[in-house]
């Protein structure tokens, strides 16, 4: 008798284990290649500007205040912070799966069965107490506590929780990446705004210069030393510069509003230093070594965590092939009349059951989900490799850009100096009628373009340094 009871439980257990022992799909191999070049150039200095806090990296108080406001109000950042909350709540959901489900149930019902049925005949012949039969129709009242628990044999639930925790950490790195980009975007727009202010100043100075030249040509025309053609050419040049002034004014307005958008506020004037923009000196570059990108860049760390979570997802999907062990229990009271509901032991009910269930018919669906998890893992691996490669190339490009812009700025400065001298020379020669008005016009036009280009180059220099700082992973700490 005892052996037969053991066999009754061992047989289904053996069947489930036999199913579980069937061959399951293999997890795809993921060899993440984290090797990067030893240096960006020939330098092996490990000093890295990414470790500098953004408040110390930027020295302009107005810019620091703008960045501080953006970090408090920016909508994209706020959206990212809510994604963090979502990821945190997902951890709570996965942790809850590891615990028993407890609940209380209360119910009431009524049932009328046919007299000439097996249940009806049985109820009619049953006496609850001497002379009292089961009432018809039969009511039913229940008050009970119940519990369900899945035993995590194959670590499926634990791995699911670990994946949720890893994705939460990934969300934190995603938030840090948003911080880095936001700081760089505010700084780039601020420098662009300063550059436009100085270009506006240059254009206004040039308009005054052109108007003076126009008056000279008018005087020369009255003295028969110049023609109406010269007067109209100079007048047209003044109109052109005045039109350019309004174009720059529109760019200033749009750049201000771009900064206001990043700060999540409606259009208003941006406080800034409108002084000598060309005197700003870009921060010295300290790029460190490429391997530091793996620790400093938030997007690389995010991709690495996404890959770790994807690997855990594969383990969870693979565990679906194995049997699951569930335990359920209940205790309470049940009776057909409320006055009998809490009668002991007649109305007392309790149950305890364990289920070992293995998938059989729906294994194709489980296989498909497992293959999807494998594919997502490979996607995460390739994305990680892509992010690392992109980070290195970004920094390498910006370091090259900084070097080339420095040389370009020196040459453009010399060009501006030469053209400034040529303006004075052309004006003197024009007054003495030794050069044609056309040469004066071309000299003034070339000087204006070179000055505007010099300011653009200075802005690109400052932006390139900011982009190196961002590319190295600075700004979020």
Protein backbone atom coordinates (compact mmCIF):
# COMPACT_ATOMS: atom_id res chain seq x y z
CA UNK A 1 0.00 0.00 0.00
CA UNK A 2 2.79 2.40 0.95
CA UNK A 3 4.75 1.58 -2.22
CA UNK A 4 1.72 2.15 -4.42
CA UNK A 5 1.30 5.66 -2.98
CA UNK A 6 4.96 6.47 -3.68
CA UNK A 7 4.64 5.17 -7.24
CA UNK A 8 1.57 7.33 -7.75
CA UNK A 9 3.68 10.45 -7.22
CA UNK A 10 6.93 9.25 -8.77
CA UNK A 11 5.40 8.33 -12.12
CA UNK A 12 4.23 11.87 -13.05
CA UNK A 13 7.43 13.28 -11.60
CA UNK A 14 9.46 10.95 -13.78
CA UNK A 15 7.45 11.92 -16.85
CA UNK A 16 8.02 15.62 -16.20
CA UNK A 17 11.74 15.16 -15.70
CA UNK A 18 11.95 13.07 -18.84
CA UNK A 19 10.35 15.89 -20.79
CA UNK A 20 12.71 18.37 -19.19
CA UNK A 21 15.69 16.23 -20.15
CA UNK A 22 14.77 16.52 -23.83
CA UNK A 23 17.24 18.53 -25.86
CA UNK A 24 16.68 22.27 -25.57
CA UNK A 25 18.00 24.87 -28.05
CA UNK A 26 21.50 26.13 -27.40
CA UNK A 27 22.21 29.68 -26.30
CA UNK A 28 23.96 31.68 -29.03
CA UNK A 29 27.59 32.49 -28.25
CA UNK A 30 28.26 36.20 -27.69
CA UNK A 31 31.90 37.20 -27.76
CA UNK A 32 31.93 40.93 -26.99
CA UNK A 33 35.01 42.58 -28.43
CA UNK A 34 35.97 45.47 -26.14
CA UNK A 35 39.46 45.97 -27.58
CA UNK A 36 40.17 49.57 -28.59
CA UNK A 37 43.38 51.21 -29.87
CA UNK A 38 45.92 52.02 -27.19
CA UNK A 39 45.86 55.76 -27.89
CA UNK A 40 44.22 58.43 -30.05
CA UNK A 41 47.63 59.54 -31.28
CA UNK A 42 51.09 58.93 -29.90
CA UNK A 43 50.25 60.18 -26.40
CA UNK A 44 49.77 57.68 -23.57
CA UNK A 45 48.90 60.29 -20.90
CA UNK A 46 45.95 59.04 -18.83
CA UNK A 47 44.87 62.52 -17.66
CA UNK A 48 41.28 62.81 -18.82
CA UNK A 49 39.14 65.95 -18.88
CA UNK A 50 36.01 63.78 -18.59
CA UNK A 51 36.64 63.59 -14.83
CA UNK A 52 36.18 67.37 -14.51
CA UNK A 53 32.73 68.39 -13.27
CA UNK A 54 30.81 70.55 -15.71
CA UNK A 55 30.57 73.44 -13.23
CA UNK A 56 34.38 73.63 -13.24
CA UNK A 57 34.75 72.94 -16.95
CA UNK A 58 32.61 75.94 -17.95
CA UNK A 59 33.81 79.24 -16.47
CA UNK A 60 31.16 81.60 -17.89
CA UNK A 61 28.67 82.26 -15.06
CA UNK A 62 25.82 82.95 -17.48
CA UNK A 63 26.40 79.62 -19.21
CA UNK A 64 26.61 77.78 -15.87
CA UNK A 65 23.27 79.30 -14.82
CA UNK A 66 21.64 78.28 -18.10
CA UNK A 67 22.88 74.69 -17.80
CA UNK A 68 21.71 74.54 -14.20
CA UNK A 69 18.21 75.65 -15.25
CA UNK A 70 18.16 73.14 -18.10
CA UNK A 71 19.05 70.28 -15.76
CA UNK A 72 16.10 71.22 -13.53
CA UNK A 73 13.45 71.84 -16.19
CA UNK A 74 14.29 70.11 -19.48
CA UNK A 75 11.34 67.97 -20.61
CA UNK A 76 13.43 65.28 -22.28
CA UNK A 77 15.35 64.81 -19.05
CA UNK A 78 12.09 64.66 -17.10
CA UNK A 79 10.80 61.98 -19.49
CA UNK A 80 13.99 60.00 -18.91
CA UNK A 81 13.55 60.28 -15.14
CA UNK A 82 10.06 58.80 -15.50
CA UNK A 83 11.57 55.92 -17.46
CA UNK A 84 13.76 55.35 -14.42
CA UNK A 85 10.64 55.10 -12.26
CA UNK A 86 9.12 52.63 -14.70
CA UNK A 87 12.26 50.48 -14.57
CA UNK A 88 12.29 50.67 -10.77
CA UNK A 89 8.66 49.53 -10.59
CA UNK A 90 9.45 46.65 -12.93
CA UNK A 91 11.96 45.43 -10.35
CA UNK A 92 9.19 45.40 -7.75
CA UNK A 93 7.03 43.33 -10.10
CA UNK A 94 9.81 40.76 -10.62
CA UNK A 95 10.56 40.59 -6.89
CA UNK A 96 6.88 39.97 -6.20
CA UNK A 97 6.97 36.93 -8.51
CA UNK A 98 9.46 35.35 -6.10
CA UNK A 99 7.05 35.61 -3.16
CA UNK A 100 3.86 33.64 -2.45
CA UNK A 101 0.57 35.17 -3.55
CA UNK A 102 -1.69 35.61 -0.53
CA UNK A 103 -5.35 36.56 -0.61
CA UNK A 104 -8.70 36.43 1.09
CA UNK A 105 -11.81 35.25 -0.65
CA UNK A 106 -15.44 35.66 0.43
CA UNK A 107 -18.31 34.39 -1.67
CA UNK A 108 -21.97 33.57 -1.71
CA UNK A 109 -24.10 31.63 -4.20
CA UNK A 110 -27.25 29.65 -4.75
CA UNK A 111 -27.76 26.44 -6.73
CA UNK A 112 -30.95 24.59 -7.75
CA UNK A 113 -30.34 21.09 -9.08
CA UNK A 114 -32.86 18.67 -10.57
CA UNK A 115 -34.53 16.29 -8.15
CA UNK A 116 -33.98 13.37 -10.47
CA UNK A 117 -30.23 13.82 -10.78
CA UNK A 118 -27.54 12.04 -8.85
CA UNK A 119 -26.71 15.21 -6.86
CA UNK A 120 -30.38 16.06 -6.30
CA UNK A 121 -31.21 12.53 -5.17
CA UNK A 122 -28.18 12.53 -2.87
CA UNK A 123 -29.08 15.90 -1.31
CA UNK A 124 -32.71 14.80 -0.78
CA UNK A 125 -31.64 11.71 1.12
CA UNK A 126 -29.06 13.51 3.26
CA UNK A 127 -29.86 14.71 6.75
CA UNK A 128 -27.79 17.46 8.31
CA UNK A 129 -29.40 16.92 11.70
CA UNK A 130 -32.11 14.47 12.76
CA UNK A 131 -35.23 15.42 10.84
CA UNK A 132 -33.49 18.17 8.78
CA UNK A 133 -32.64 17.65 5.11
CA UNK A 134 -30.42 19.71 2.85
CA UNK A 135 -32.39 22.85 1.86
CA UNK A 136 -33.53 23.31 -1.71
CA UNK A 137 -32.42 25.50 -3.40
CA UNK A 138 -28.96 25.09 -1.88
CA UNK A 139 -27.09 28.25 -0.87
CA UNK A 140 -23.35 28.40 -0.39
CA UNK A 141 -21.24 30.82 1.72
CA UNK A 142 -17.45 30.79 1.83
CA UNK A 143 -14.78 32.73 3.73
CA UNK A 144 -11.23 31.54 3.11
CA UNK A 145 -7.59 32.55 2.85
CA UNK A 146 -5.54 31.17 0.00
CA UNK A 147 -1.91 31.13 -1.13
CA UNK A 148 -0.08 30.23 -4.34
CA UNK A 149 3.66 29.86 -4.75
CA UNK A 150 5.90 28.90 -7.64
CA UNK A 151 9.12 27.22 -6.54
CA UNK A 152 11.93 28.76 -8.60
CA UNK A 153 13.69 25.47 -9.43
CA UNK A 154 15.52 26.67 -12.55
CA UNK A 155 16.24 30.24 -11.38
CA UNK A 156 13.79 31.59 -13.96
CA UNK A 157 12.24 34.11 -11.59
CA UNK A 158 15.58 35.10 -10.09
CA UNK A 159 17.06 35.72 -13.54
CA UNK A 160 13.99 37.71 -14.50
CA UNK A 161 14.49 39.91 -11.45
CA UNK A 162 18.21 40.30 -12.23
CA UNK A 163 17.32 41.35 -15.78
CA UNK A 164 14.94 44.00 -14.40
CA UNK A 165 17.64 45.31 -12.04
CA UNK A 166 20.14 45.42 -14.90
CA UNK A 167 17.71 47.35 -17.07
CA UNK A 168 17.16 49.80 -14.24
CA UNK A 169 20.91 50.38 -14.07
CA UNK A 170 20.88 50.76 -17.85
CA UNK A 171 18.17 53.42 -17.50
CA UNK A 172 20.41 55.31 -15.09
CA UNK A 173 23.18 55.33 -17.68
CA UNK A 174 20.64 56.45 -20.28
CA UNK A 175 19.75 59.36 -18.00
CA UNK A 176 23.46 60.21 -17.66
CA UNK A 177 23.82 60.18 -21.44
CA UNK A 178 20.89 62.60 -21.73
CA UNK A 179 22.62 64.84 -19.17
CA UNK A 180 25.84 64.85 -21.18
CA UNK A 181 24.09 65.69 -24.43
CA UNK A 182 21.91 68.36 -22.81
CA UNK A 183 24.89 70.15 -21.28
CA UNK A 184 26.77 70.07 -24.58
CA UNK A 185 23.74 71.30 -26.53
CA UNK A 186 23.19 74.27 -24.21
CA UNK A 187 26.90 75.16 -24.38
CA UNK A 188 27.01 74.87 -28.19
CA UNK A 189 23.94 77.10 -28.58
CA UNK A 190 25.33 79.63 -26.09
CA UNK A 191 28.61 79.94 -28.01
CA UNK A 192 26.67 80.23 -31.25
CA UNK A 193 24.64 83.06 -29.72
CA UNK A 194 27.81 84.87 -28.65
CA UNK A 195 29.25 84.42 -32.13
CA UNK A 196 26.12 85.88 -33.73
CA UNK A 197 26.28 88.88 -31.37
CA UNK A 198 29.83 89.59 -32.51
CA UNK A 199 28.96 89.05 -36.16
CA UNK A 200 26.15 91.59 -35.72
CA UNK A 201 28.67 94.05 -34.28
CA UNK A 202 31.05 93.46 -37.20
CA UNK A 203 28.27 94.00 -39.74
CA UNK A 204 27.20 97.26 -38.09
CA UNK A 205 30.79 98.49 -38.11
CA UNK A 206 31.08 97.51 -41.74
CA UNK A 207 27.86 99.39 -42.58
CA UNK A 208 29.35 102.55 -41.03
CA UNK A 209 32.51 102.01 -43.06
CA UNK A 210 30.53 101.51 -46.27
CA UNK A 211 28.42 104.60 -45.61
CA UNK A 212 31.59 106.66 -45.21
CA UNK A 213 32.88 105.26 -48.50
CA UNK A 214 29.52 106.07 -50.10
CA UNK A 215 29.78 109.71 -48.97
CA UNK A 216 33.29 109.90 -50.40
CA UNK A 217 32.06 108.58 -53.77
CA UNK A 218 29.22 111.12 -53.80
CA UNK A 219 31.69 113.93 -53.17
CA UNK A 220 33.96 112.61 -55.91
CA UNK A 221 31.03 112.41 -58.30
CA UNK A 222 30.23 116.08 -57.66
CA UNK A 223 33.86 116.81 -58.41
CA UNK A 224 33.59 114.72 -61.60
CA UNK A 225 36.14 112.24 -60.23
CA UNK A 226 33.60 109.39 -59.98
CA UNK A 227 30.52 108.24 -61.85
CA UNK A 228 26.92 107.50 -60.92
CA UNK A 229 27.76 103.83 -61.42
CA UNK A 230 30.22 103.97 -58.53
CA UNK A 231 27.65 105.70 -56.32
CA UNK A 232 25.01 103.04 -57.04
CA UNK A 233 27.51 100.21 -56.49
CA UNK A 234 28.43 101.56 -53.06
CA UNK A 235 24.76 102.16 -52.24
CA UNK A 236 23.91 98.56 -53.20
CA UNK A 237 26.70 97.30 -50.95
CA UNK A 238 25.24 99.24 -48.02
CA UNK A 239 21.80 97.72 -48.66
CA UNK A 240 23.33 94.25 -48.82
CA UNK A 241 25.02 94.67 -45.46
CA UNK A 242 21.86 96.09 -43.91
CA UNK A 243 19.94 93.04 -45.17
CA UNK A 244 22.60 90.79 -43.65
CA UNK A 245 22.04 92.57 -40.34
CA UNK A 246 18.40 91.42 -40.29
CA UNK A 247 19.39 87.87 -41.25
CA UNK A 248 21.73 87.72 -38.27
CA UNK A 249 19.04 89.23 -36.03
CA UNK A 250 16.71 86.37 -37.02
CA UNK A 251 19.43 83.79 -36.29
CA UNK A 252 19.95 85.39 -32.87
CA UNK A 253 16.24 85.12 -32.10
CA UNK A 254 16.08 81.47 -33.20
CA UNK A 255 19.19 80.56 -31.20
CA UNK A 256 17.80 82.26 -28.10
CA UNK A 257 14.55 80.34 -28.48
CA UNK A 258 16.45 77.08 -28.98
CA UNK A 259 18.13 77.66 -25.62
CA UNK A 260 14.78 78.61 -24.07
CA UNK A 261 13.32 75.35 -25.38
CA UNK A 262 16.15 73.37 -23.77
CA UNK A 263 15.42 75.25 -20.54
CA UNK A 264 11.67 74.44 -20.90
CA UNK A 265 10.53 78.05 -20.84
CA UNK A 266 8.84 80.46 -23.19
CA UNK A 267 10.92 82.90 -25.29
CA UNK A 268 12.89 85.49 -23.38
CA UNK A 269 16.25 87.18 -23.73
CA UNK A 270 19.24 85.02 -22.86
CA UNK A 271 21.70 86.74 -20.48
CA UNK A 272 25.17 86.55 -21.94
CA UNK A 273 28.50 88.31 -22.29
CA UNK A 274 28.46 90.26 -25.55
CA UNK A 275 32.07 91.32 -25.18
CA UNK A 276 35.04 90.37 -27.31
CA UNK A 277 34.23 86.85 -28.44
CA UNK A 278 37.51 86.39 -30.27
CA UNK A 279 39.46 86.75 -27.02
CA UNK A 280 37.96 83.55 -25.57
CA UNK A 281 40.58 80.83 -25.18
CA UNK A 282 39.37 77.20 -25.64
CA UNK A 283 40.04 74.82 -22.75
CA UNK A 284 43.19 72.73 -23.13
CA UNK A 285 42.44 69.20 -24.34
CA UNK A 286 43.28 66.22 -22.12
CA UNK A 287 41.89 63.17 -23.86
CA UNK A 288 43.43 60.35 -21.82
CA UNK A 289 43.46 56.91 -23.47
CA UNK A 290 40.67 55.16 -25.41
CA UNK A 291 40.14 52.38 -22.85
CA UNK A 292 38.82 55.03 -20.43
CA UNK A 293 35.81 55.45 -22.70
CA UNK A 294 34.47 52.11 -21.44
CA UNK A 295 34.19 53.54 -17.93
CA UNK A 296 33.33 57.17 -18.70
CA UNK A 297 30.84 57.07 -21.58
CA UNK A 298 27.27 56.51 -20.30
CA UNK A 299 26.08 55.16 -23.66
CA UNK A 300 28.78 52.47 -23.62
CA UNK A 301 27.87 51.43 -20.08
CA UNK A 302 24.20 51.45 -21.05
CA UNK A 303 24.86 49.18 -24.03
CA UNK A 304 26.92 46.87 -21.82
CA UNK A 305 24.09 46.60 -19.28
CA UNK A 306 21.53 46.03 -22.04
CA UNK A 307 23.67 43.14 -23.25
CA UNK A 308 23.83 41.67 -19.73
CA UNK A 309 20.04 41.95 -19.42
CA UNK A 310 19.57 40.28 -22.81
CA UNK A 311 21.73 37.35 -21.68
CA UNK A 312 19.53 36.93 -18.60
CA UNK A 313 16.44 37.05 -20.80
CA UNK A 314 17.81 34.09 -22.76
CA UNK A 315 18.21 32.10 -19.54
CA UNK A 316 14.64 32.95 -18.57
CA UNK A 317 13.37 31.86 -21.98
CA UNK A 318 15.33 28.62 -21.77
CA UNK A 319 13.88 27.81 -18.35
CA UNK A 320 10.42 27.78 -19.96
CA UNK A 321 11.32 24.36 -21.41
CA UNK A 322 11.61 22.87 -17.91
CA UNK A 323 8.82 21.81 -15.50
CA UNK A 324 7.43 24.30 -13.05
CA UNK A 325 6.52 23.38 -9.48
CA UNK A 326 3.54 25.21 -8.01
CA UNK A 327 2.20 24.94 -4.47
CA UNK A 328 -1.27 26.10 -3.50
CA UNK A 329 -3.04 26.12 -0.15
CA UNK A 330 -6.31 27.36 1.31
CA UNK A 331 -7.99 27.44 4.71
CA UNK A 332 -11.37 28.82 5.72
CA UNK A 333 -15.04 28.08 6.30
CA UNK A 334 -17.83 27.01 3.96
CA UNK A 335 -21.49 26.27 4.71
CA UNK A 336 -24.92 26.46 3.10
CA UNK A 337 -26.26 28.68 5.87
CA UNK A 338 -24.62 31.67 7.53
CA UNK A 339 -25.49 30.38 11.00
CA UNK A 340 -23.37 27.28 10.29
CA UNK A 341 -20.50 29.18 8.62
CA UNK A 342 -18.09 29.23 11.55
CA UNK A 343 -19.04 25.87 13.04
CA UNK A 344 -16.00 23.77 13.92
CA UNK A 345 -15.06 21.33 12.57
CA UNK A 346 -18.08 20.74 10.30
CA UNK A 347 -17.67 23.96 8.24
CA UNK A 348 -13.87 24.06 8.30
CA UNK A 349 -12.11 23.61 4.94
CA UNK A 350 -8.45 23.40 4.06
CA UNK A 351 -6.36 22.24 1.13
CA UNK A 352 -2.73 21.80 0.18
CA UNK A 353 -1.60 20.79 -3.31
CA UNK A 354 1.53 20.73 -5.38
CA UNK A 355 1.65 20.71 -9.20
CA UNK A 356 4.60 19.78 -11.36
CA UNK A 357 3.85 20.94 -14.91
CA UNK A 358 6.04 20.58 -17.97
CA UNK A 359 5.29 22.01 -21.43
CA UNK A 360 4.39 19.42 -24.05
CA UNK A 361 2.04 20.65 -26.76
CA UNK A 362 3.15 24.30 -26.89
CA UNK A 363 6.91 23.74 -27.13
CA UNK A 364 7.03 25.37 -30.58
CA UNK A 365 5.80 28.63 -29.11
CA UNK A 366 8.43 28.37 -26.35
CA UNK A 367 11.10 27.63 -28.96
CA UNK A 368 10.07 30.70 -30.93
CA UNK A 369 10.29 32.93 -27.86
CA UNK A 370 13.69 31.41 -27.00
CA UNK A 371 14.96 32.15 -30.53
CA UNK A 372 13.68 35.71 -30.22
CA UNK A 373 15.55 36.11 -26.94
CA UNK A 374 18.69 34.75 -28.60
CA UNK A 375 18.28 37.18 -31.50
CA UNK A 376 17.79 40.10 -29.12
CA UNK A 377 20.95 39.05 -27.30
CA UNK A 378 22.91 39.15 -30.55
CA UNK A 379 21.40 42.53 -31.34
CA UNK A 380 22.56 43.83 -27.96
CA UNK A 381 26.05 42.46 -28.59
CA UNK A 382 26.34 44.14 -32.00
CA UNK A 383 24.91 47.35 -30.57
CA UNK A 384 27.53 47.33 -27.82
CA UNK A 385 30.32 46.89 -30.35
CA UNK A 386 28.82 49.64 -32.52
CA UNK A 387 28.58 52.07 -29.59
CA UNK A 388 32.21 51.47 -28.60
CA UNK A 389 33.40 51.98 -32.18
CA UNK A 390 31.25 55.09 -32.59
CA UNK A 391 32.57 56.57 -29.33
CA UNK A 392 36.19 56.15 -30.42
CA UNK A 393 35.54 57.63 -33.86
CA UNK A 394 33.64 60.58 -32.35
CA UNK A 395 36.55 61.46 -30.08
CA UNK A 396 39.15 60.89 -32.81
CA UNK A 397 37.23 63.16 -35.21
CA UNK A 398 36.86 65.94 -32.65
CA UNK A 399 40.52 65.78 -31.59
CA UNK A 400 41.50 66.13 -35.23
CA UNK A 401 38.97 68.94 -35.60
CA UNK A 402 40.45 70.83 -32.63
CA UNK A 403 43.93 70.59 -34.11
CA UNK A 404 42.88 71.69 -37.60
CA UNK A 405 40.66 74.50 -36.34
CA UNK A 406 43.56 75.89 -34.30
CA UNK A 407 45.73 76.09 -37.43
CA UNK A 408 42.85 77.47 -39.48
CA UNK A 409 42.11 80.16 -36.89
CA UNK A 410 45.73 81.35 -36.90
CA UNK A 411 45.69 81.71 -40.69
CA UNK A 412 42.29 83.42 -40.74
CA UNK A 413 43.51 85.87 -38.10
CA UNK A 414 46.42 86.81 -40.35
CA UNK A 415 44.01 87.11 -43.27
CA UNK A 416 41.78 89.51 -41.29
CA UNK A 417 44.80 91.61 -40.28
CA UNK A 418 45.96 91.82 -43.88
CA UNK A 419 42.51 92.78 -45.17
CA UNK A 420 42.08 95.42 -42.45
CA UNK A 421 45.31 97.03 -43.64
CA UNK A 422 44.18 96.70 -47.26
CA UNK A 423 40.96 98.61 -46.45
CA UNK A 424 42.95 101.60 -45.19
CA UNK A 425 45.27 101.37 -48.16
CA UNK A 426 42.45 101.10 -50.70
CA UNK A 427 40.62 104.07 -49.18
CA UNK A 428 43.76 106.24 -49.36
CA UNK A 429 44.41 105.18 -52.95
CA UNK A 430 40.78 105.73 -53.88
CA UNK A 431 40.83 109.27 -52.49
CA UNK A 432 43.84 110.02 -54.66
CA UNK A 433 42.15 108.31 -57.64
CA UNK A 434 44.92 105.76 -57.94
CA UNK A 435 42.58 102.75 -57.72
CA UNK A 436 39.15 102.02 -59.10
CA UNK A 437 36.05 102.00 -56.83
CA UNK A 438 35.58 98.33 -57.67
CA UNK A 439 38.78 97.44 -55.83
CA UNK A 440 37.56 99.31 -52.75
CA UNK A 441 34.27 97.45 -52.85
CA UNK A 442 35.94 94.06 -53.21
CA UNK A 443 38.37 94.86 -50.42
CA UNK A 444 35.56 95.81 -48.03
CA UNK A 445 33.52 92.74 -49.03
CA UNK A 446 36.48 90.39 -48.55
CA UNK A 447 37.28 91.94 -45.18
CA UNK A 448 33.69 91.51 -43.97
CA UNK A 449 33.55 87.88 -45.08
CA UNK A 450 36.90 87.09 -43.48
CA UNK A 451 35.85 88.66 -40.16
CA UNK A 452 32.60 86.70 -40.13
CA UNK A 453 34.50 83.51 -40.99
CA UNK A 454 36.99 84.20 -38.19
CA UNK A 455 34.14 84.43 -35.67
CA UNK A 456 32.63 81.22 -37.07
CA UNK A 457 35.98 79.48 -36.69
CA UNK A 458 36.26 80.64 -33.07
CA UNK A 459 32.75 79.30 -32.40
CA UNK A 460 33.68 75.97 -34.02
CA UNK A 461 36.80 75.84 -31.85
CA UNK A 462 34.78 76.28 -28.67
CA UNK A 463 32.14 73.77 -29.85
CA UNK A 464 34.83 71.24 -30.76
CA UNK A 465 36.25 71.38 -27.24
CA UNK A 466 32.75 70.89 -25.82
CA UNK A 467 32.24 67.94 -28.17
CA UNK A 468 35.53 66.39 -27.04
CA UNK A 469 34.39 66.80 -23.42
CA UNK A 470 31.06 65.16 -24.27
CA UNK A 471 32.71 62.47 -26.40
CA UNK A 472 35.06 61.48 -23.58
CA UNK A 473 32.07 61.05 -21.27
CA UNK A 474 32.23 64.31 -19.35
CA UNK A 475 29.32 66.29 -17.95
CA UNK A 476 27.17 63.71 -16.16
CA UNK A 477 29.25 63.27 -13.00
